[in-house]
Amino acid sequence: MTRNYKSEYRNYHSKPKQKKNRASRNAARAKMMKAGKAKKGDGKDVAHKNGNPKDNKLKNLKSQSKSKNRSYARTKTAKKKNPKS
């Protein structure tokens, strides 16, 4: 079975809550790029130290490999179960 991206966008990614989440992630990356701590195409994620994706304070952001940032299990409130990352 192939993945239906159009349907996935229509049913999930186009929702207002998901648009706000995406805008927050993009704002975090832009803030790190402005501070010189991230570069476009560097292959890394901008991680939130406290696990709260809405907290885009510069002291809460860090550049981390994709595999490390995405390896932590998340709770329903999107916080990391292991906040010592």
C-alpha atoms as a PDB file:
ATOM      1  CA  MET A   1       0.000   0.000   0.000  1.00  0.00           C
ATOM      2  CA  THR A   2       1.416   3.383  -0.942  1.00  0.00           C
ATOM      3  CA  ARG A   3       1.270   6.451   1.233  1.00  0.00           C
ATOM      4  CA  ASN A   4      -1.384   8.979   0.209  1.00  0.00           C
ATOM      5  CA  TYR A   5       0.200  12.345   0.998  1.00  0.00           C
ATOM      6  CA  LYS A   6      -2.727  14.399  -0.264  1.00  0.00           C
ATOM      7  CA  SER A   7      -5.139  12.594   2.041  1.00  0.00           C
ATOM      8  CA  GLU A   8      -2.680  12.796   4.942  1.00  0.00           C
ATOM      9  CA  TYR A   9      -2.384  16.568   4.507  1.00  0.00           C
ATOM     10  CA  ARG A  10      -6.138  17.017   4.179  1.00  0.00           C
ATOM     11  CA  ASN A  11      -6.914  14.926   7.274  1.00  0.00           C
ATOM     12  CA  TYR A  12      -4.040  15.962   9.560  1.00  0.00           C
ATOM     13  CA  HIS A  13      -1.464  18.531   8.443  1.00  0.00           C
ATOM     14  CA  SER A  14      -3.991  21.110   7.253  1.00  0.00           C
ATOM     15  CA  LYS A  15      -5.653  21.410  10.679  1.00  0.00           C
ATOM     16  CA  PRO A  16      -5.123  24.756  12.464  1.00  0.00           C
ATOM     17  CA  LYS A  17      -3.419  23.127  15.469  1.00  0.00           C
ATOM     18  CA  GLN A  18      -0.896  21.347  13.242  1.00  0.00           C
ATOM     19  CA  LYS A  19      -0.233  24.540  11.287  1.00  0.00           C
ATOM     20  CA  LYS A  20       0.582  26.315  14.568  1.00  0.00           C
ATOM     21  CA  ASN A  21       2.891  23.474  15.588  1.00  0.00           C
ATOM     22  CA  ARG A  22       4.708  23.651  12.251  1.00  0.00           C
ATOM     23  CA  ALA A  23       5.012  27.448  12.510  1.00  0.00           C
ATOM     24  CA  SER A  24       6.493  27.052  16.002  1.00  0.00           C
ATOM     25  CA  ARG A  25       9.082  24.543  14.744  1.00  0.00           C
ATOM     26  CA  ASN A  26       9.976  26.834  11.855  1.00  0.00           C
ATOM     27  CA  ALA A  27      10.311  29.811  14.240  1.00  0.00           C
ATOM     28  CA  ALA A  28      12.669  27.812  16.482  1.00  0.00           C
ATOM     29  CA  ARG A  29      14.877  26.940  13.517  1.00  0.00           C
ATOM     30  CA  ALA A  30      14.880  30.561  12.300  1.00  0.00           C
ATOM     31  CA  LYS A  31      15.896  31.771  15.753  1.00  0.00           C
ATOM     32  CA  MET A  32      18.808  29.303  15.860  1.00  0.00           C
ATOM     33  CA  MET A  33      19.908  30.294  12.360  1.00  0.00           C
ATOM     34  CA  LYS A  34      19.840  33.983  13.297  1.00  0.00           C
ATOM     35  CA  ALA A  35      21.973  33.211  16.365  1.00  0.00           C
ATOM     36  CA  GLY A  36      24.438  31.319  14.139  1.00  0.00           C
ATOM     37  CA  LYS A  37      23.840  27.979  15.874  1.00  0.00           C
ATOM     38  CA  ALA A  38      22.195  26.244  12.900  1.00  0.00           C
ATOM     39  CA  LYS A  39      22.630  26.308   9.151  1.00  0.00           C
ATOM     40  CA  LYS A  40      20.282  25.469   6.321  1.00  0.00           C
ATOM     41  CA  GLY A  41      20.854  21.912   5.167  1.00  0.00           C
ATOM     42  CA  ASP A  42      23.080  20.951   8.110  1.00  0.00           C
ATOM     43  CA  GLY A  43      21.119  17.708   8.606  1.00  0.00           C
ATOM     44  CA  LYS A  44      20.346  18.464  12.241  1.00  0.00           C
ATOM     45  CA  ASP A  45      17.193  19.134  14.200  1.00  0.00           C
ATOM     46  CA  VAL A  46      16.604  22.040  16.521  1.00  0.00           C
ATOM     47  CA  ALA A  47      15.767  20.337  19.819  1.00  0.00           C
ATOM     48  CA  HIS A  48      13.949  21.768  22.821  1.00  0.00           C
ATOM     49  CA  LYS A  49      15.865  21.011  26.023  1.00  0.00           C
ATOM     50  CA  ASN A  50      12.756  20.935  28.230  1.00  0.00           C
ATOM     51  CA  GLY A  51      10.732  18.942  25.699  1.00  0.00           C
ATOM     52  CA  ASN A  52       8.144  21.683  25.208  1.00  0.00           C
ATOM     53  CA  PRO A  53       7.949  22.424  21.476  1.00  0.00           C
ATOM     54  CA  LYS A  54       6.178  25.735  22.123  1.00  0.00           C
ATOM     55  CA  ASP A  55       9.020  27.114  24.293  1.00  0.00           C
ATOM     56  CA  ASN A  56      11.257  28.792  21.721  1.00  0.00           C
ATOM     57  CA  LYS A  57      13.524  30.712  24.084  1.00  0.00           C
ATOM     58  CA  LEU A  58      17.099  30.596  22.786  1.00  0.00           C
ATOM     59  CA  LYS A  59      18.360  29.100  26.076  1.00  0.00           C
ATOM     60  CA  ASN A  60      15.904  26.211  25.580  1.00  0.00           C
ATOM     61  CA  LEU A  61      17.041  25.385  22.028  1.00  0.00           C
ATOM     62  CA  LYS A  62      19.973  23.294  20.860  1.00  0.00           C
ATOM     63  CA  SER A  63      21.173  21.757  17.624  1.00  0.00           C
ATOM     64  CA  GLN A  64      21.081  17.968  17.728  1.00  0.00           C
ATOM     65  CA  SER A  65      21.385  15.098  15.268  1.00  0.00           C
ATOM     66  CA  LYS A  66      18.062  13.891  13.892  1.00  0.00           C
ATOM     67  CA  SER A  67      18.553  10.369  15.191  1.00  0.00           C
ATOM     68  CA  LYS A  68      19.268  11.567  18.743  1.00  0.00           C
ATOM     69  CA  ASN A  69      16.431  14.108  18.828  1.00  0.00           C
ATOM     70  CA  ARG A  70      13.844  11.654  17.511  1.00  0.00           C
ATOM     71  CA  SER A  71      14.922   8.710  19.661  1.00  0.00           C
ATOM     72  CA  TYR A  72      13.140   9.763  22.857  1.00  0.00           C
ATOM     73  CA  ALA A  73       9.686   8.460  23.615  1.00  0.00           C
ATOM     74  CA  ARG A  74       7.114  11.231  23.973  1.00  0.00           C
ATOM     75  CA  THR A  75       4.217  11.603  26.343  1.00  0.00           C
ATOM     76  CA  LYS A  76       0.790  12.724  25.164  1.00  0.00           C
ATOM     77  CA  THR A  77       1.705  16.319  26.017  1.00  0.00           C
ATOM     78  CA  ALA A  78       4.691  16.072  23.625  1.00  0.00           C
ATOM     79  CA  LYS A  79       7.259  16.245  26.399  1.00  0.00           C
ATOM     80  CA  LYS A  80      10.212  13.923  26.437  1.00  0.00           C
ATOM     81  CA  LYS A  81      10.088  11.124  28.978  1.00  0.00           C
ATOM     82  CA  ASN A  82      13.831  11.612  29.432  1.00  0.00           C
ATOM     83  CA  PRO A  83      14.223  15.417  29.774  1.00  0.00           C
ATOM     84  CA  LYS A  84      17.964  15.105  30.505  1.00  0.00           C
ATOM     85  CA  SER A  85      18.721  15.004  26.781  1.00  0.00           C
END
